[in-house]
Amino acid sequence: MKDKIIVIVGPTAVGKTQLGIDLAKAFDGEVINGDSMQVYKGLDIGTAKVTEEEKDGIPHHLIDIKSPEDSYAVSDFKLDAGEKIHEITKRGKLPIVVGGTGLYIESLLYNVSHGGKAEPNPDFREEMDRFVRENGREALHQKLQDKDLKAAEAIHQNNVRRVIRALEVIHETGKKFSDYQDEKKKEPVYDAYVIGLNTDRDVLYDRINMRVDLMLENGLLQEVTWLYKNYPGNIQSKKGIGYKEFRPFLEGRQPLVEAVEQVKQHSRNYAKRQLTWFRNRFEVNQWADLVKEPESLQEVKANIQKFTEGD
């Protein structure tokens, strides 16, 4: 019998964190973080990490479990989250996974590896980044065609990050990236009820812009400065939105206002990608707009009540 879990997905700034806490209170649950950046200690403001006050006594897991210089792969999350789900269920509580990292959520819900057996190799990625700068995207994509034609046909040359990841998997494992993709059977691992949050695009974008402004007021720039000062090198935690955009400013190559605008733009672009992922990659049982229709929370709770009772 598969463990029952609740999963809350959606773009940034739609209220996932608060919904997770509300549902945990209503259904005796505990929250498991499903955001790739909130695993890092010290990265609080730029990740919109839940505060102790906001938790309101609800246990939260997989937050602040890594130092900023550590890498954390999809395979790590799948293992850690799976263990937490088992522990929480064993205690008679309801696991509630909350997060916007689509790759994490899909890998947890289904038998999907995403080439996750290959650990990130910063040196290899830096070498490929340099290759792209010197030779262009087409040449990088040709590299993939030469090693794994099937993967090259599935990944557009403009998706440089994905092309590099495919090459990285081949480099680290000696196995074609497409072979991992063929392992996808989309077999559900859990008995999951997935809630998708969204709101009108204009409303969402306004909320994102305001959130970035509030982050700055709360000390985002100081947090970014601390990260770059104490953790040199091309580490994974610096690549998150809200952190990577400030490098040119910190190096004196760009005004602060331009860096901030890039954070907002990248956040809006990311929200769009998140929605596309959640709509296309797996089944969402219920979509809700708690921003414009907060009263729909009651319908969400009613549906979860039926789910937990097995109806």
C-alpha atoms as a PDB file:
ATOM      1  CA  MET A   1       0.000   0.000   0.000  1.00  0.00           C
ATOM      2  CA  LYS A   2       1.487   3.340  -1.076  1.00  0.00           C
ATOM      3  CA  ASP A   3       1.985   6.139   1.441  1.00  0.00           C
ATOM      4  CA  LYS A   4      -0.460   9.021   1.133  1.00  0.00           C
ATOM      5  CA  ILE A   5       1.127  12.427   0.639  1.00  0.00           C
ATOM      6  CA  ILE A   6       0.000  15.940  -0.228  1.00  0.00           C
ATOM      7  CA  VAL A   7       2.066  17.910  -2.745  1.00  0.00           C
ATOM      8  CA  ILE A   8       1.775  21.674  -3.287  1.00  0.00           C
ATOM      9  CA  VAL A   9       3.314  23.080  -6.455  1.00  0.00           C
ATOM     10  CA  GLY A  10       3.157  26.284  -8.475  1.00  0.00           C
ATOM     11  CA  PRO A  11       5.227  29.313  -9.447  1.00  0.00           C
ATOM     12  CA  THR A  12       6.979  31.554  -6.993  1.00  0.00           C
ATOM     13  CA  ALA A  13       4.908  34.049  -4.959  1.00  0.00           C
ATOM     14  CA  VAL A  14       1.507  32.307  -5.101  1.00  0.00           C
ATOM     15  CA  GLY A  15       1.248  31.246  -1.449  1.00  0.00           C
ATOM     16  CA  LYS A  16       2.627  27.687  -1.383  1.00  0.00           C
ATOM     17  CA  THR A  17       4.373  28.134   1.959  1.00  0.00           C
ATOM     18  CA  GLN A  18       1.269  29.400   3.757  1.00  0.00           C
ATOM     19  CA  LEU A  19      -0.954  26.720   2.239  1.00  0.00           C
ATOM     20  CA  GLY A  20       1.432  24.026   3.430  1.00  0.00           C
ATOM     21  CA  ILE A  21       1.219  25.351   6.974  1.00  0.00           C
ATOM     22  CA  ASP A  22      -2.589  25.700   6.822  1.00  0.00           C
ATOM     23  CA  LEU A  23      -3.000  22.120   5.607  1.00  0.00           C
ATOM     24  CA  ALA A  24      -0.517  20.766   8.148  1.00  0.00           C
ATOM     25  CA  LYS A  25      -2.602  22.347  10.918  1.00  0.00           C
ATOM     26  CA  ALA A  26      -5.862  21.037   9.499  1.00  0.00           C
ATOM     27  CA  PHE A  27      -4.699  17.471   8.806  1.00  0.00           C
ATOM     28  CA  ASP A  28      -2.014  16.831  11.436  1.00  0.00           C
ATOM     29  CA  GLY A  29       0.765  17.088   8.888  1.00  0.00           C
ATOM     30  CA  GLU A  30       4.439  17.956   8.587  1.00  0.00           C
ATOM     31  CA  VAL A  31       6.025  19.898   5.746  1.00  0.00           C
ATOM     32  CA  ILE A  32       8.861  18.684   3.523  1.00  0.00           C
ATOM     33  CA  ASN A  33      10.687  21.359   1.550  1.00  0.00           C
ATOM     34  CA  GLY A  34      10.724  20.804  -2.224  1.00  0.00           C
ATOM     35  CA  ASP A  35      12.729  23.882  -3.196  1.00  0.00           C
ATOM     36  CA  SER A  36      16.309  23.364  -4.376  1.00  0.00           C
ATOM     37  CA  MET A  37      17.670  26.568  -2.779  1.00  0.00           C
ATOM     38  CA  GLN A  38      16.055  26.359   0.651  1.00  0.00           C
ATOM     39  CA  VAL A  39      18.306  23.434   1.578  1.00  0.00           C
ATOM     40  CA  TYR A  40      21.168  25.934   2.060  1.00  0.00           C
ATOM     41  CA  LYS A  41      21.974  27.451   5.444  1.00  0.00           C
ATOM     42  CA  GLY A  42      22.178  31.225   5.454  1.00  0.00           C
ATOM     43  CA  LEU A  43      20.280  31.727   2.215  1.00  0.00           C
ATOM     44  CA  ASP A  44      17.082  32.912   3.840  1.00  0.00           C
ATOM     45  CA  ILE A  45      15.933  36.149   2.244  1.00  0.00           C
ATOM     46  CA  GLY A  46      16.640  35.384  -1.409  1.00  0.00           C
ATOM     47  CA  THR A  47      14.922  32.004  -1.174  1.00  0.00           C
ATOM     48  CA  ALA A  48      11.864  33.353   0.674  1.00  0.00           C
ATOM     49  CA  LYS A  49      12.563  30.703   3.302  1.00  0.00           C
ATOM     50  CA  VAL A  50       9.838  30.132   5.861  1.00  0.00           C
ATOM     51  CA  THR A  51      10.605  31.818   9.197  1.00  0.00           C
ATOM     52  CA  GLU A  52      10.194  30.237  12.625  1.00  0.00           C
ATOM     53  CA  GLU A  53       7.283  32.582  13.270  1.00  0.00           C
ATOM     54  CA  GLU A  54       5.576  31.598  10.024  1.00  0.00           C
ATOM     55  CA  LYS A  55       6.001  27.894  10.798  1.00  0.00           C
ATOM     56  CA  ASP A  56       3.704  28.404  13.795  1.00  0.00           C
ATOM     57  CA  GLY A  57       4.928  25.189  15.388  1.00  0.00           C
ATOM     58  CA  ILE A  58       4.600  23.028  12.272  1.00  0.00           C
ATOM     59  CA  PRO A  59       7.680  20.814  11.706  1.00  0.00           C
ATOM     60  CA  HIS A  60       9.519  21.576   8.452  1.00  0.00           C
ATOM     61  CA  HIS A  61      12.053  19.191   6.942  1.00  0.00           C
ATOM     62  CA  LEU A  62      14.932  19.477   4.418  1.00  0.00           C
ATOM     63  CA  ILE A  63      15.502  23.160   5.169  1.00  0.00           C
ATOM     64  CA  ASP A  64      18.995  24.369   6.194  1.00  0.00           C
ATOM     65  CA  ILE A  65      20.544  20.929   5.705  1.00  0.00           C
ATOM     66  CA  LYS A  66      23.485  21.976   3.511  1.00  0.00           C
ATOM     67  CA  SER A  67      26.301  24.514   3.689  1.00  0.00           C
ATOM     68  CA  PRO A  68      26.422  26.936   0.729  1.00  0.00           C
ATOM     69  CA  GLU A  69      29.559  25.298  -0.679  1.00  0.00           C
ATOM     70  CA  ASP A  70      27.885  21.875  -0.870  1.00  0.00           C
ATOM     71  CA  SER A  71      26.247  20.456  -3.963  1.00  0.00           C
ATOM     72  CA  TYR A  72      22.785  18.923  -3.725  1.00  0.00           C
ATOM     73  CA  ALA A  73      21.495  16.804  -6.591  1.00  0.00           C
ATOM     74  CA  VAL A  74      18.020  15.625  -7.566  1.00  0.00           C
ATOM     75  CA  SER A  75      19.034  12.138  -6.469  1.00  0.00           C
ATOM     76  CA  ASP A  76      19.909  13.496  -3.005  1.00  0.00           C
ATOM     77  CA  PHE A  77      16.500  15.116  -2.672  1.00  0.00           C
ATOM     78  CA  LYS A  78      14.672  11.994  -3.841  1.00  0.00           C
ATOM     79  CA  LEU A  79      16.461   9.909  -1.205  1.00  0.00           C
ATOM     80  CA  ASP A  80      16.126  12.447   1.618  1.00  0.00           C
ATOM     81  CA  ALA A  81      12.474  13.270   0.909  1.00  0.00           C
ATOM     82  CA  GLY A  82      11.619   9.582   0.624  1.00  0.00           C
ATOM     83  CA  GLU A  83      13.122   8.938   4.051  1.00  0.00           C
ATOM     84  CA  LYS A  84      11.204  11.849   5.564  1.00  0.00           C
ATOM     85  CA  ILE A  85       7.926  10.675   4.027  1.00  0.00           C
ATOM     86  CA  HIS A  86       8.479   7.250   5.570  1.00  0.00           C
ATOM     87  CA  GLU A  87       9.337   8.731   8.980  1.00  0.00           C
ATOM     88  CA  ILE A  88       6.383  11.124   9.025  1.00  0.00           C
ATOM     89  CA  THR A  89       3.933   8.452   7.893  1.00  0.00           C
ATOM     90  CA  LYS A  90       5.246   6.044  10.532  1.00  0.00           C
ATOM     91  CA  ARG A  91       4.465   8.644  13.192  1.00  0.00           C
ATOM     92  CA  GLY A  92       0.865   8.776  11.965  1.00  0.00           C
ATOM     93  CA  LYS A  93       1.279  12.236  10.449  1.00  0.00           C
ATOM     94  CA  LEU A  94       0.530  13.414   6.902  1.00  0.00           C
ATOM     95  CA  PRO A  95       3.578  14.349   4.754  1.00  0.00           C
ATOM     96  CA  ILE A  96       3.061  17.606   2.833  1.00  0.00           C
ATOM     97  CA  VAL A  97       5.680  18.348   0.166  1.00  0.00           C
ATOM     98  CA  VAL A  98       5.861  22.045  -0.711  1.00  0.00           C
ATOM     99  CA  GLY A  99       8.028  23.471  -3.459  1.00  0.00           C
ATOM    100  CA  GLY A 100       8.469  24.917  -6.889  1.00  0.00           C
ATOM    101  CA  THR A 101      11.433  22.896  -8.173  1.00  0.00           C
ATOM    102  CA  GLY A 102       9.714  20.791 -10.823  1.00  0.00           C
ATOM    103  CA  LEU A 103      12.611  18.395 -11.300  1.00  0.00           C
ATOM    104  CA  TYR A 104      12.589  17.577  -7.592  1.00  0.00           C
ATOM    105  CA  ILE A 105       8.854  16.990  -7.424  1.00  0.00           C
ATOM    106  CA  GLU A 106       8.663  14.844 -10.550  1.00  0.00           C
ATOM    107  CA  SER A 107      11.616  12.731  -9.455  1.00  0.00           C
ATOM    108  CA  LEU A 108       9.987  12.161  -6.071  1.00  0.00           C
ATOM    109  CA  LEU A 109       6.529  11.310  -7.400  1.00  0.00           C
ATOM    110  CA  TYR A 110       7.611   9.029 -10.226  1.00  0.00           C
ATOM    111  CA  ASN A 111      10.268   6.502 -11.069  1.00  0.00           C
ATOM    112  CA  VAL A 112      12.368   9.088 -12.873  1.00  0.00           C
ATOM    113  CA  SER A 113      16.135   9.470 -12.613  1.00  0.00           C
ATOM    114  CA  HIS A 114      16.877  12.515 -14.837  1.00  0.00           C
ATOM    115  CA  GLY A 115      20.371  11.147 -15.039  1.00  0.00           C
ATOM    116  CA  GLY A 116      20.494  11.753 -11.309  1.00  0.00           C
ATOM    117  CA  LYS A 117      23.109   9.053 -10.748  1.00  0.00           C
ATOM    118  CA  ALA A 118      25.736  11.490 -11.989  1.00  0.00           C
ATOM    119  CA  GLU A 119      26.868  13.949  -9.353  1.00  0.00           C
ATOM    120  CA  PRO A 120      27.457  17.556 -10.462  1.00  0.00           C
ATOM    121  CA  ASN A 121      31.019  18.200 -11.626  1.00  0.00           C
ATOM    122  CA  PRO A 122      31.743  21.956 -11.352  1.00  0.00           C
ATOM    123  CA  ASP A 123      35.053  21.636 -13.200  1.00  0.00           C
ATOM    124  CA  PHE A 124      33.447  19.867 -16.141  1.00  0.00           C
ATOM    125  CA  ARG A 125      30.634  22.424 -16.273  1.00  0.00           C
ATOM    126  CA  GLU A 126      33.122  25.283 -16.196  1.00  0.00           C
ATOM    127  CA  GLU A 127      35.020  23.637 -19.057  1.00  0.00           C
ATOM    128  CA  MET A 128      31.802  23.328 -21.091  1.00  0.00           C
ATOM    129  CA  ASP A 129      30.818  26.935 -20.297  1.00  0.00           C
ATOM    130  CA  ARG A 130      34.182  28.053 -21.597  1.00  0.00           C
ATOM    131  CA  PHE A 131      33.714  25.897 -24.709  1.00  0.00           C
ATOM    132  CA  VAL A 132      30.368  27.593 -25.400  1.00  0.00           C
ATOM    133  CA  ARG A 133      31.848  31.063 -25.013  1.00  0.00           C
ATOM    134  CA  GLU A 134      34.669  30.240 -27.415  1.00  0.00           C
ATOM    135  CA  ASN A 135      32.840  28.061 -29.952  1.00  0.00           C
ATOM    136  CA  GLY A 136      29.113  28.745 -29.637  1.00  0.00           C
ATOM    137  CA  ARG A 137      25.979  26.742 -28.840  1.00  0.00           C
ATOM    138  CA  GLU A 138      25.931  24.852 -32.120  1.00  0.00           C
ATOM    139  CA  ALA A 139      29.387  23.420 -31.490  1.00  0.00           C
ATOM    140  CA  LEU A 140      28.363  22.322 -27.995  1.00  0.00           C
ATOM    141  CA  HIS A 141      25.237  20.675 -29.362  1.00  0.00           C
ATOM    142  CA  GLN A 142      27.373  18.908 -31.978  1.00  0.00           C
ATOM    143  CA  LYS A 143      29.415  17.436 -29.126  1.00  0.00           C
ATOM    144  CA  LEU A 144      26.225  15.897 -27.770  1.00  0.00           C
ATOM    145  CA  GLN A 145      25.190  14.660 -31.222  1.00  0.00           C
ATOM    146  CA  ASP A 146      28.514  12.872 -31.536  1.00  0.00           C
ATOM    147  CA  LYS A 147      28.103  11.134 -28.163  1.00  0.00           C
ATOM    148  CA  ASP A 148      24.331  10.643 -27.872  1.00  0.00           C
ATOM    149  CA  LEU A 149      22.267  11.412 -30.974  1.00  0.00           C
ATOM    150  CA  LYS A 150      18.976  10.516 -29.285  1.00  0.00           C
ATOM    151  CA  ALA A 151      19.573  12.995 -26.482  1.00  0.00           C
ATOM    152  CA  ALA A 152      20.653  15.677 -28.955  1.00  0.00           C
ATOM    153  CA  GLU A 153      17.407  15.251 -30.877  1.00  0.00           C
ATOM    154  CA  ALA A 154      15.413  15.719 -27.677  1.00  0.00           C
ATOM    155  CA  ILE A 155      17.313  18.762 -26.349  1.00  0.00           C
ATOM    156  CA  HIS A 156      17.318  22.047 -28.269  1.00  0.00           C
ATOM    157  CA  GLN A 157      20.731  23.650 -28.777  1.00  0.00           C
ATOM    158  CA  ASN A 158      19.514  26.832 -27.068  1.00  0.00           C
ATOM    159  CA  ASN A 159      18.962  24.876 -23.842  1.00  0.00           C
ATOM    160  CA  VAL A 160      22.672  25.079 -23.052  1.00  0.00           C
ATOM    161  CA  ARG A 161      22.287  24.068 -19.424  1.00  0.00           C
ATOM    162  CA  ARG A 162      20.473  20.862 -20.372  1.00  0.00           C
ATOM    163  CA  VAL A 163      22.992  20.060 -23.118  1.00  0.00           C
ATOM    164  CA  ILE A 164      25.832  20.463 -20.620  1.00  0.00           C
ATOM    165  CA  ARG A 165      23.994  18.260 -18.108  1.00  0.00           C
ATOM    166  CA  ALA A 166      23.597  15.536 -20.739  1.00  0.00           C
ATOM    167  CA  LEU A 167      27.314  15.709 -21.534  1.00  0.00           C
ATOM    168  CA  GLU A 168      28.106  15.728 -17.823  1.00  0.00           C
ATOM    169  CA  VAL A 169      26.113  12.523 -17.255  1.00  0.00           C
ATOM    170  CA  ILE A 170      27.954  10.848 -20.124  1.00  0.00           C
ATOM    171  CA  HIS A 171      31.293  12.095 -18.789  1.00  0.00           C
ATOM    172  CA  GLU A 172      30.637  10.975 -15.207  1.00  0.00           C
ATOM    173  CA  THR A 173      28.906   7.633 -15.798  1.00  0.00           C
ATOM    174  CA  GLY A 174      30.053   6.478 -19.214  1.00  0.00           C
ATOM    175  CA  LYS A 175      26.387   5.894 -19.999  1.00  0.00           C
ATOM    176  CA  LYS A 176      24.290   7.771 -22.553  1.00  0.00           C
ATOM    177  CA  PHE A 177      22.001  10.427 -21.140  1.00  0.00           C
ATOM    178  CA  SER A 178      19.144   9.087 -23.277  1.00  0.00           C
ATOM    179  CA  ASP A 179      19.485   5.707 -21.563  1.00  0.00           C
ATOM    180  CA  TYR A 180      18.474   7.362 -18.311  1.00  0.00           C
ATOM    181  CA  GLN A 181      15.544   9.018 -20.030  1.00  0.00           C
ATOM    182  CA  ASP A 182      14.386   5.621 -21.271  1.00  0.00           C
ATOM    183  CA  GLU A 183      14.160   4.518 -17.649  1.00  0.00           C
ATOM    184  CA  LYS A 184      11.204   6.841 -17.139  1.00  0.00           C
ATOM    185  CA  LYS A 185       8.167   4.674 -16.543  1.00  0.00           C
ATOM    186  CA  LYS A 186       6.032   7.312 -14.858  1.00  0.00           C
ATOM    187  CA  GLU A 187       4.997   4.808 -12.228  1.00  0.00           C
ATOM    188  CA  PRO A 188       3.668   6.710  -9.193  1.00  0.00           C
ATOM    189  CA  VAL A 189       5.715   6.026  -6.095  1.00  0.00           C
ATOM    190  CA  TYR A 190       3.122   7.451  -3.689  1.00  0.00           C
ATOM    191  CA  ASP A 191      -0.613   7.871  -3.379  1.00  0.00           C
ATOM    192  CA  ALA A 192      -0.338  11.619  -3.921  1.00  0.00           C
ATOM    193  CA  TYR A 193      -2.866  14.423  -4.057  1.00  0.00           C
ATOM    194  CA  VAL A 194      -1.231  17.293  -5.971  1.00  0.00           C
ATOM    195  CA  ILE A 195      -2.452  20.858  -5.563  1.00  0.00           C
ATOM    196  CA  GLY A 196      -1.323  23.462  -8.078  1.00  0.00           C
ATOM    197  CA  LEU A 197      -1.454  27.139  -7.120  1.00  0.00           C
ATOM    198  CA  ASN A 198      -1.617  29.906  -9.701  1.00  0.00           C
ATOM    199  CA  THR A 199      -3.143  33.315 -10.323  1.00  0.00           C
ATOM    200  CA  ASP A 200      -3.518  35.784 -13.206  1.00  0.00           C
ATOM    201  CA  ARG A 201      -0.214  36.515 -14.902  1.00  0.00           C
ATOM    202  CA  ASP A 202      -0.306  40.272 -14.274  1.00  0.00           C
ATOM    203  CA  VAL A 203      -1.136  39.709 -10.616  1.00  0.00           C
ATOM    204  CA  LEU A 204       1.618  37.111 -10.322  1.00  0.00           C
ATOM    205  CA  TYR A 205       4.227  39.365 -11.922  1.00  0.00           C
ATOM    206  CA  ASP A 206       3.266  42.261  -9.651  1.00  0.00           C
ATOM    207  CA  ARG A 207       3.614  40.000  -6.628  1.00  0.00           C
ATOM    208  CA  ILE A 208       7.031  38.833  -7.811  1.00  0.00           C
ATOM    209  CA  ASN A 209       8.241  42.403  -8.311  1.00  0.00           C
ATOM    210  CA  MET A 210       6.976  43.443  -4.884  1.00  0.00           C
ATOM    211  CA  ARG A 211       8.547  40.375  -3.299  1.00  0.00           C
ATOM    212  CA  VAL A 212      11.977  41.281  -4.698  1.00  0.00           C
ATOM    213  CA  ASP A 213      11.610  44.855  -3.416  1.00  0.00           C
ATOM    214  CA  LEU A 214      10.692  43.502   0.015  1.00  0.00           C
ATOM    215  CA  MET A 215      13.691  41.145  -0.045  1.00  0.00           C
ATOM    216  CA  LEU A 216      15.968  44.115  -0.635  1.00  0.00           C
ATOM    217  CA  GLU A 217      14.386  46.003   2.244  1.00  0.00           C
ATOM    218  CA  ASN A 218      14.929  42.954   4.459  1.00  0.00           C
ATOM    219  CA  GLY A 219      18.637  42.703   3.652  1.00  0.00           C
ATOM    220  CA  LEU A 220      19.019  40.644   0.473  1.00  0.00           C
ATOM    221  CA  LEU A 221      22.087  42.579  -0.660  1.00  0.00           C
ATOM    222  CA  GLN A 222      23.831  41.927   2.650  1.00  0.00           C
ATOM    223  CA  GLU A 223      22.981  38.223   2.350  1.00  0.00           C
ATOM    224  CA  VAL A 224      24.378  38.068  -1.187  1.00  0.00           C
ATOM    225  CA  THR A 225      27.533  39.929  -0.135  1.00  0.00           C
ATOM    226  CA  TRP A 226      28.026  37.470   2.730  1.00  0.00           C
ATOM    227  CA  LEU A 227      27.661  34.522   0.344  1.00  0.00           C
ATOM    228  CA  TYR A 228      30.194  35.823  -2.181  1.00  0.00           C
ATOM    229  CA  LYS A 229      32.647  36.901   0.504  1.00  0.00           C
ATOM    230  CA  ASN A 230      32.647  33.663   2.468  1.00  0.00           C
ATOM    231  CA  TYR A 231      32.164  31.095  -0.280  1.00  0.00           C
ATOM    232  CA  PRO A 232      34.376  31.757  -3.312  1.00  0.00           C
ATOM    233  CA  GLY A 233      34.258  29.756  -6.507  1.00  0.00           C
ATOM    234  CA  ASN A 234      31.631  28.585  -8.942  1.00  0.00           C
ATOM    235  CA  ILE A 235      29.413  26.828  -6.405  1.00  0.00           C
ATOM    236  CA  GLN A 236      25.855  25.638  -6.906  1.00  0.00           C
ATOM    237  CA  SER A 237      24.251  27.931  -4.326  1.00  0.00           C
ATOM    238  CA  LYS A 238      25.419  31.062  -6.179  1.00  0.00           C
ATOM    239  CA  LYS A 239      23.515  30.006  -9.282  1.00  0.00           C
ATOM    240  CA  GLY A 240      20.099  30.546  -7.752  1.00  0.00           C
ATOM    241  CA  ILE A 241      17.895  33.422  -8.868  1.00  0.00           C
ATOM    242  CA  GLY A 242      18.379  36.302  -6.457  1.00  0.00           C
ATOM    243  CA  TYR A 243      22.079  35.523  -6.028  1.00  0.00           C
ATOM    244  CA  LYS A 244      23.717  35.080  -9.427  1.00  0.00           C
ATOM    245  CA  GLU A 245      22.406  38.402 -10.750  1.00  0.00           C
ATOM    246  CA  PHE A 246      24.431  40.422  -8.237  1.00  0.00           C
ATOM    247  CA  ARG A 247      27.867  39.200  -9.318  1.00  0.00           C
ATOM    248  CA  PRO A 248      28.386  42.022 -11.896  1.00  0.00           C
ATOM    249  CA  PHE A 249      27.321  44.598  -9.302  1.00  0.00           C
ATOM    250  CA  LEU A 250      29.657  43.193  -6.654  1.00  0.00           C
ATOM    251  CA  GLU A 251      32.498  43.260  -9.186  1.00  0.00           C
ATOM    252  CA  GLY A 252      31.749  46.905 -10.038  1.00  0.00           C
ATOM    253  CA  ARG A 253      30.574  46.144 -13.569  1.00  0.00           C
ATOM    254  CA  GLN A 254      26.888  47.009 -13.222  1.00  0.00           C
ATOM    255  CA  PRO A 255      24.670  49.430 -11.281  1.00  0.00           C
ATOM    256  CA  LEU A 256      22.569  47.983  -8.482  1.00  0.00           C
ATOM    257  CA  VAL A 257      19.309  49.009 -10.153  1.00  0.00           C
ATOM    258  CA  GLU A 258      20.134  46.871 -13.193  1.00  0.00           C
ATOM    259  CA  ALA A 259      20.968  43.855 -11.029  1.00  0.00           C
ATOM    260  CA  VAL A 260      17.662  44.204  -9.190  1.00  0.00           C
ATOM    261  CA  GLU A 261      15.737  44.433 -12.452  1.00  0.00           C
ATOM    262  CA  GLN A 262      17.446  41.259 -13.618  1.00  0.00           C
ATOM    263  CA  VAL A 263      16.354  39.458 -10.454  1.00  0.00           C
ATOM    264  CA  LYS A 264      12.769  40.494 -11.156  1.00  0.00           C
ATOM    265  CA  GLN A 265      12.981  39.518 -14.836  1.00  0.00           C
ATOM    266  CA  HIS A 266      14.576  36.160 -14.119  1.00  0.00           C
ATOM    267  CA  SER A 267      12.008  35.477 -11.385  1.00  0.00           C
ATOM    268  CA  ARG A 268       9.145  36.203 -13.781  1.00  0.00           C
ATOM    269  CA  ASN A 269      10.724  34.000 -16.457  1.00  0.00           C
ATOM    270  CA  TYR A 270      11.207  31.229 -13.917  1.00  0.00           C
ATOM    271  CA  ALA A 271       7.572  31.449 -12.834  1.00  0.00           C
ATOM    272  CA  LYS A 272       6.535  30.922 -16.441  1.00  0.00           C
ATOM    273  CA  ARG A 273       8.803  27.868 -16.747  1.00  0.00           C
ATOM    274  CA  GLN A 274       7.483  26.466 -13.490  1.00  0.00           C
ATOM    275  CA  LEU A 275       3.904  26.645 -14.713  1.00  0.00           C
ATOM    276  CA  THR A 276       4.799  24.980 -17.995  1.00  0.00           C
ATOM    277  CA  TRP A 277       6.534  22.165 -16.129  1.00  0.00           C
ATOM    278  CA  PHE A 278       3.697  21.512 -13.684  1.00  0.00           C
ATOM    279  CA  ARG A 279       1.093  21.574 -16.429  1.00  0.00           C
ATOM    280  CA  ASN A 280       2.943  19.215 -18.740  1.00  0.00           C
ATOM    281  CA  ARG A 281       5.052  16.840 -16.674  1.00  0.00           C
ATOM    282  CA  PHE A 282       2.588  15.261 -14.251  1.00  0.00           C
ATOM    283  CA  GLU A 283      -1.008  15.271 -13.128  1.00  0.00           C
ATOM    284  CA  VAL A 284      -2.202  18.043 -10.847  1.00  0.00           C
ATOM    285  CA  ASN A 285      -5.376  16.959  -9.064  1.00  0.00           C
ATOM    286  CA  GLN A 286      -6.618  20.454  -8.320  1.00  0.00           C
ATOM    287  CA  TRP A 287      -5.660  23.984  -9.365  1.00  0.00           C
ATOM    288  CA  ALA A 288      -6.539  26.871  -7.052  1.00  0.00           C
ATOM    289  CA  ASP A 289      -6.103  30.636  -6.994  1.00  0.00           C
ATOM    290  CA  LEU A 290      -5.746  31.537  -3.341  1.00  0.00           C
ATOM    291  CA  VAL A 291      -4.576  35.048  -4.215  1.00  0.00           C
ATOM    292  CA  LYS A 292      -7.770  36.227  -5.902  1.00  0.00           C
ATOM    293  CA  GLU A 293     -10.083  33.597  -4.395  1.00  0.00           C
ATOM    294  CA  PRO A 294      -8.907  32.899  -0.834  1.00  0.00           C
ATOM    295  CA  GLU A 295     -12.264  31.277  -0.096  1.00  0.00           C
ATOM    296  CA  SER A 296     -11.281  28.391  -2.385  1.00  0.00           C
ATOM    297  CA  LEU A 297      -9.107  27.142   0.495  1.00  0.00           C
ATOM    298  CA  GLN A 298     -12.251  25.484   1.853  1.00  0.00           C
ATOM    299  CA  GLU A 299     -12.696  23.494  -1.353  1.00  0.00           C
ATOM    300  CA  VAL A 300      -9.050  22.438  -1.210  1.00  0.00           C
ATOM    301  CA  LYS A 301      -9.508  21.231   2.356  1.00  0.00           C
ATOM    302  CA  ALA A 302     -12.719  19.387   1.482  1.00  0.00           C
ATOM    303  CA  ASN A 303     -10.991  17.534  -1.338  1.00  0.00           C
ATOM    304  CA  ILE A 304      -8.065  16.592   0.879  1.00  0.00           C
ATOM    305  CA  GLN A 305     -10.477  15.356   3.524  1.00  0.00           C
ATOM    306  CA  LYS A 306     -11.989  12.984   0.954  1.00  0.00           C
ATOM    307  CA  PHE A 307      -8.494  11.948  -0.181  1.00  0.00           C
ATOM    308  CA  THR A 308      -7.250  11.179   3.329  1.00  0.00           C
ATOM    309  CA  GLU A 309     -10.385   9.195   4.103  1.00  0.00           C
ATOM    310  CA  GLY A 310      -9.863   7.151   0.957  1.00  0.00           C
ATOM    311  CA  ASP A 311     -12.956   8.328  -0.981  1.00  0.00           C
END
